[in-house]
Amino acid sequence: MLVNVPVESNCFSQVRSDLQRVYKQVIDRQCAKYLMSAKAIWTANQDINAANRAGALLARVEPNASCYGEVEYLFEQIGNRVKVISDRPWEYKLKVLDARISQAEGAMEVLRIFAKNQPNYVGYNIGGWFR
């Protein structure tokens, strides 16, 4: 109803302050609602799907809302967790690669020791081999 007051009217300045107050209350209420829903989703499942769902809710929050600091903090927590989740396959691949490298290094060491223990001179009797 307050929105319908014309700008040219005498009481518009009063209505304007009331509008700002009501708008602030509305965005604060929405922020609390979205933040609570996002926290519930994120607490229930801390996976990529939950991160996407919670992020979609948090993206709706107005930056002027009073709880926007908590929204940013939850965004940061979700981002950190997603990074950990997405790095898991790489950590496994790196461990497999390290195992292969250590296996190759072990084989090289065995060959190096084998080569070191070879006799210095090997004499072959080739004088009559073609007869």
Foldseek 3Di string as FASTA:
>chain_A
DLVPDDPPDPCVVVSVVVVVVVVQVVLQVLQVVLQVVLVVLCVVDLEPVSLVVNVVSLVPRDCPHPCVVVSVVVNVVSVVSHVVVVCVVVVVVVVVVVVVVVVVVVVVVVVVVVVVPDDPDDDDPPPPPVD
